[in-house]
N, C-alpha and C. Protein backbone atom coordinates (compact mmCIF):
# COMPACT_ATOMS: atom_id res chain seq x y z
N MET A 1 86.48 32.06 135.66
CA MET A 1 86.00 31.09 134.70
C MET A 1 87.16 30.68 133.81
N ASP A 2 87.28 29.41 133.60
CA ASP A 2 88.29 28.85 132.71
C ASP A 2 87.83 29.08 131.28
N ALA A 3 88.68 29.62 130.42
CA ALA A 3 88.32 29.94 129.03
C ALA A 3 87.81 28.72 128.28
N ARG A 4 88.22 27.52 128.68
CA ARG A 4 87.78 26.30 128.00
C ARG A 4 86.32 25.97 128.30
N GLU A 5 85.77 26.54 129.37
CA GLU A 5 84.39 26.26 129.75
C GLU A 5 83.39 27.01 128.87
N GLY A 6 83.80 28.07 128.25
CA GLY A 6 82.89 28.88 127.45
C GLY A 6 82.11 29.84 128.33
N PRO A 7 81.24 30.62 127.74
CA PRO A 7 80.48 31.61 128.51
C PRO A 7 79.49 30.93 129.45
N ALA A 8 79.22 31.59 130.55
CA ALA A 8 78.27 31.07 131.53
C ALA A 8 76.86 31.52 131.14
N VAL A 9 76.33 30.93 130.10
CA VAL A 9 75.00 31.27 129.60
C VAL A 9 74.11 30.06 129.76
N SER A 10 72.94 30.28 130.31
CA SER A 10 72.00 29.19 130.51
C SER A 10 71.39 28.77 129.19
N ARG A 11 71.18 27.49 129.02
CA ARG A 11 70.51 26.97 127.82
C ARG A 11 69.01 26.83 128.05
N ALA A 12 68.54 27.14 129.25
CA ALA A 12 67.11 27.05 129.57
C ALA A 12 66.35 28.13 128.83
N PRO A 13 65.10 27.85 128.44
CA PRO A 13 64.31 28.87 127.76
C PRO A 13 64.04 30.06 128.69
N ALA A 14 63.97 31.23 128.11
CA ALA A 14 63.72 32.45 128.89
C ALA A 14 62.25 32.54 129.27
N ASP A 15 61.99 33.01 130.48
CA ASP A 15 60.62 33.25 130.93
C ASP A 15 60.11 34.60 130.43
N ALA A 16 61.01 35.53 130.22
CA ALA A 16 60.62 36.86 129.78
C ALA A 16 61.80 37.55 129.12
N LEU A 17 61.50 38.46 128.22
CA LEU A 17 62.50 39.32 127.60
C LEU A 17 62.10 40.75 127.91
N LEU A 18 63.03 41.56 128.32
CA LEU A 18 62.76 42.94 128.65
C LEU A 18 63.44 43.84 127.63
N PHE A 19 62.69 44.82 127.16
CA PHE A 19 63.22 45.77 126.19
C PHE A 19 62.98 47.18 126.72
N ASP A 20 63.93 48.04 126.56
CA ASP A 20 63.79 49.44 126.90
C ASP A 20 64.14 50.22 125.65
N LEU A 21 63.14 50.47 124.81
CA LEU A 21 63.39 51.14 123.53
C LEU A 21 63.58 52.64 123.69
N GLY A 22 62.67 53.28 124.40
CA GLY A 22 62.63 54.73 124.47
C GLY A 22 63.82 55.34 125.16
N GLY A 23 64.59 56.10 124.43
CA GLY A 23 65.76 56.78 124.96
C GLY A 23 66.97 55.87 125.10
N VAL A 24 66.82 54.59 124.74
CA VAL A 24 67.93 53.64 124.81
C VAL A 24 68.26 53.15 123.41
N VAL A 25 67.29 52.60 122.72
CA VAL A 25 67.48 52.10 121.36
C VAL A 25 66.94 53.11 120.35
N MET A 26 65.82 53.73 120.68
CA MET A 26 65.17 54.71 119.80
C MET A 26 65.09 56.05 120.51
N GLY A 27 65.22 57.13 119.75
CA GLY A 27 65.02 58.45 120.31
C GLY A 27 63.54 58.68 120.59
N LEU A 28 63.25 59.64 121.46
CA LEU A 28 61.87 59.98 121.80
C LEU A 28 61.60 61.45 121.54
N ASP A 29 60.42 61.72 121.00
CA ASP A 29 59.94 63.10 120.82
C ASP A 29 58.46 63.07 121.15
N TRP A 30 58.08 63.69 122.25
CA TRP A 30 56.70 63.63 122.74
C TRP A 30 55.77 64.58 121.98
N ASP A 31 56.29 65.61 121.32
CA ASP A 31 55.45 66.59 120.66
C ASP A 31 54.50 66.00 119.62
N PRO A 32 54.94 65.07 118.77
CA PRO A 32 54.00 64.50 117.80
C PRO A 32 52.81 63.79 118.47
N MET A 33 53.04 63.19 119.63
CA MET A 33 51.95 62.54 120.36
C MET A 33 50.89 63.57 120.75
N PHE A 34 51.33 64.68 121.33
CA PHE A 34 50.38 65.69 121.76
C PHE A 34 49.65 66.32 120.58
N ARG A 35 50.34 66.52 119.47
CA ARG A 35 49.69 67.07 118.27
C ARG A 35 48.62 66.12 117.74
N ARG A 36 48.91 64.83 117.71
CA ARG A 36 47.93 63.85 117.22
C ARG A 36 46.74 63.77 118.16
N TRP A 37 47.01 63.75 119.47
CA TRP A 37 45.90 63.72 120.41
C TRP A 37 45.05 64.98 120.29
N ALA A 38 45.68 66.13 120.07
CA ALA A 38 44.94 67.38 119.94
C ALA A 38 44.01 67.34 118.72
N ARG A 39 44.48 66.74 117.63
CA ARG A 39 43.62 66.62 116.45
C ARG A 39 42.41 65.73 116.71
N ALA A 40 42.52 64.82 117.69
CA ALA A 40 41.45 63.87 117.98
C ALA A 40 40.42 64.43 118.98
N CYS A 41 40.68 65.61 119.54
CA CYS A 41 39.74 66.17 120.51
C CYS A 41 39.73 67.69 120.38
N ASP A 42 39.06 68.35 121.29
CA ASP A 42 38.95 69.81 121.19
C ASP A 42 39.90 70.53 122.15
N ARG A 43 41.08 69.95 122.39
CA ARG A 43 42.09 70.56 123.24
C ARG A 43 43.32 70.87 122.39
N SER A 44 44.11 71.83 122.83
CA SER A 44 45.34 72.13 122.11
C SER A 44 46.46 71.19 122.56
N ALA A 45 47.45 71.04 121.71
CA ALA A 45 48.61 70.22 122.06
C ALA A 45 49.28 70.77 123.32
N GLU A 46 49.34 72.08 123.46
CA GLU A 46 49.95 72.70 124.63
C GLU A 46 49.18 72.36 125.90
N GLU A 47 47.85 72.39 125.84
CA GLU A 47 47.03 72.02 127.01
C GLU A 47 47.28 70.57 127.40
N LEU A 48 47.27 69.69 126.41
CA LEU A 48 47.47 68.27 126.68
C LEU A 48 48.86 68.02 127.27
N ARG A 49 49.86 68.72 126.76
CA ARG A 49 51.22 68.59 127.27
C ARG A 49 51.29 69.00 128.74
N ARG A 50 50.59 70.06 129.11
CA ARG A 50 50.57 70.52 130.51
C ARG A 50 49.85 69.53 131.42
N LEU A 51 48.79 68.90 130.92
CA LEU A 51 47.98 68.01 131.74
C LEU A 51 48.56 66.61 131.88
N TRP A 52 49.32 66.15 130.88
CA TRP A 52 49.87 64.80 130.93
C TRP A 52 51.12 64.77 131.80
N VAL A 53 51.16 63.82 132.70
CA VAL A 53 52.36 63.60 133.52
C VAL A 53 52.57 62.09 133.64
N PRO A 54 53.81 61.66 133.80
CA PRO A 54 54.05 60.23 134.03
C PRO A 54 53.68 59.87 135.48
N ASP A 55 52.38 59.71 135.71
CA ASP A 55 51.85 59.48 137.05
C ASP A 55 51.83 57.98 137.39
N GLU A 56 51.16 57.63 138.47
CA GLU A 56 51.12 56.24 138.91
C GLU A 56 50.49 55.33 137.85
N ALA A 57 49.42 55.79 137.20
CA ALA A 57 48.78 54.98 136.15
C ALA A 57 49.76 54.73 135.00
N TYR A 58 50.52 55.74 134.63
CA TYR A 58 51.54 55.58 133.59
C TYR A 58 52.55 54.51 134.01
N GLU A 59 53.05 54.62 135.24
CA GLU A 59 54.03 53.65 135.73
C GLU A 59 53.44 52.24 135.76
N ARG A 60 52.19 52.10 136.18
CA ARG A 60 51.55 50.78 136.22
C ARG A 60 51.40 50.22 134.81
N HIS A 61 51.07 51.07 133.85
CA HIS A 61 50.95 50.63 132.46
C HIS A 61 52.32 50.21 131.92
N GLU A 62 53.35 50.98 132.23
CA GLU A 62 54.71 50.64 131.79
C GLU A 62 55.16 49.29 132.34
N ARG A 63 54.74 48.97 133.55
CA ARG A 63 55.12 47.69 134.17
C ARG A 63 54.20 46.54 133.76
N GLY A 64 53.16 46.83 132.98
CA GLY A 64 52.24 45.79 132.55
C GLY A 64 51.20 45.42 133.58
N GLU A 65 51.02 46.24 134.60
CA GLU A 65 50.05 45.96 135.65
C GLU A 65 48.63 46.32 135.23
N ILE A 66 48.51 47.26 134.29
CA ILE A 66 47.20 47.59 133.72
C ILE A 66 47.37 47.60 132.19
N GLY A 67 46.30 47.30 131.51
CA GLY A 67 46.33 47.27 130.06
C GLY A 67 46.14 48.65 129.46
N GLU A 68 46.30 48.70 128.16
CA GLU A 68 46.19 50.01 127.49
C GLU A 68 44.81 50.60 127.62
N HIS A 69 43.74 49.80 127.55
CA HIS A 69 42.39 50.36 127.63
C HIS A 69 42.17 51.03 128.99
N GLU A 70 42.61 50.38 130.07
CA GLU A 70 42.46 50.97 131.39
C GLU A 70 43.29 52.26 131.50
N TYR A 71 44.50 52.24 130.95
CA TYR A 71 45.32 53.44 130.98
C TYR A 71 44.69 54.55 130.15
N PHE A 72 44.17 54.22 128.99
CA PHE A 72 43.52 55.23 128.16
C PHE A 72 42.29 55.82 128.85
N GLU A 73 41.55 54.99 129.58
CA GLU A 73 40.41 55.51 130.36
C GLU A 73 40.91 56.53 131.39
N HIS A 74 42.00 56.21 132.05
CA HIS A 74 42.61 57.14 133.01
C HIS A 74 42.99 58.45 132.30
N LEU A 75 43.62 58.34 131.13
CA LEU A 75 44.02 59.54 130.40
C LEU A 75 42.83 60.40 129.99
N ARG A 76 41.73 59.76 129.58
CA ARG A 76 40.55 60.55 129.21
C ARG A 76 40.13 61.46 130.35
N GLY A 77 40.15 60.93 131.56
CA GLY A 77 39.79 61.74 132.72
C GLY A 77 40.84 62.78 133.03
N ARG A 78 42.09 62.39 133.04
CA ARG A 78 43.18 63.31 133.38
C ARG A 78 43.28 64.46 132.39
N LEU A 79 43.11 64.15 131.10
CA LEU A 79 43.22 65.17 130.06
C LEU A 79 41.91 65.88 129.78
N ALA A 80 40.81 65.39 130.38
CA ALA A 80 39.47 65.93 130.11
C ALA A 80 39.25 66.01 128.60
N ALA A 81 39.55 64.88 127.94
CA ALA A 81 39.49 64.84 126.48
C ALA A 81 38.86 63.53 126.03
N ASP A 82 37.98 63.63 125.07
CA ASP A 82 37.33 62.44 124.51
C ASP A 82 38.16 61.96 123.32
N ILE A 83 39.15 61.14 123.62
CA ILE A 83 40.05 60.59 122.60
C ILE A 83 39.84 59.09 122.57
N ASP A 84 39.60 58.52 121.40
CA ASP A 84 39.36 57.08 121.34
C ASP A 84 40.68 56.30 121.42
N ASP A 85 40.55 55.01 121.70
CA ASP A 85 41.74 54.17 121.89
C ASP A 85 42.67 54.20 120.67
N ASP A 86 42.09 54.19 119.48
CA ASP A 86 42.93 54.21 118.27
C ASP A 86 43.78 55.48 118.19
N ALA A 87 43.19 56.62 118.56
CA ALA A 87 43.94 57.88 118.52
C ALA A 87 45.02 57.90 119.59
N PHE A 88 44.73 57.32 120.77
CA PHE A 88 45.78 57.22 121.78
C PHE A 88 46.94 56.37 121.28
N ARG A 89 46.61 55.22 120.66
CA ARG A 89 47.66 54.34 120.12
C ARG A 89 48.48 55.06 119.06
N GLU A 90 47.81 55.77 118.17
CA GLU A 90 48.50 56.49 117.10
C GLU A 90 49.46 57.52 117.70
N GLY A 91 49.03 58.21 118.74
CA GLY A 91 49.90 59.18 119.40
C GLY A 91 51.12 58.53 120.02
N TRP A 92 50.91 57.42 120.74
CA TRP A 92 52.04 56.72 121.35
C TRP A 92 53.04 56.27 120.29
N ALA A 93 52.55 55.77 119.18
CA ALA A 93 53.44 55.28 118.13
C ALA A 93 54.26 56.41 117.52
N ALA A 94 53.77 57.64 117.62
CA ALA A 94 54.44 58.79 117.00
C ALA A 94 55.63 59.31 117.80
N ILE A 95 55.84 58.83 119.04
CA ILE A 95 56.92 59.39 119.86
C ILE A 95 58.30 58.89 119.47
N PHE A 96 58.38 57.75 118.79
CA PHE A 96 59.68 57.18 118.48
C PHE A 96 60.31 57.85 117.26
N THR A 97 61.59 58.20 117.40
CA THR A 97 62.30 58.85 116.31
C THR A 97 63.41 57.91 115.82
N GLU A 98 64.51 58.45 115.43
CA GLU A 98 65.60 57.67 114.84
C GLU A 98 66.29 56.77 115.87
N PRO A 99 66.88 55.70 115.40
CA PRO A 99 67.65 54.84 116.31
C PRO A 99 68.82 55.60 116.93
N ILE A 100 69.15 55.25 118.15
CA ILE A 100 70.31 55.85 118.84
C ILE A 100 71.51 54.97 118.55
N HIS A 101 72.61 55.59 118.15
CA HIS A 101 73.82 54.84 117.82
C HIS A 101 74.83 54.94 118.93
């Protein structure tokens, strides 16, 4: 590229923006999520931690193929816990820690 041409950046509007916050921009700590979920049901944080895995439903939710309500329904079954959507959201929000420099 000739320096006089400037950067090769498109002026067309973007169709999508992708962000990867967890472990890239912000630190992650999963323990607060499990503690909050445990307070919302009759399971211990340790039990919930053992039962939760980043399974296919998690991956589909991360890719936007299923919404949060559908994913939360999946989690209720997987965790055998009656946790409402608000408590699931509160737990997810609790995983982010300090910015990564």
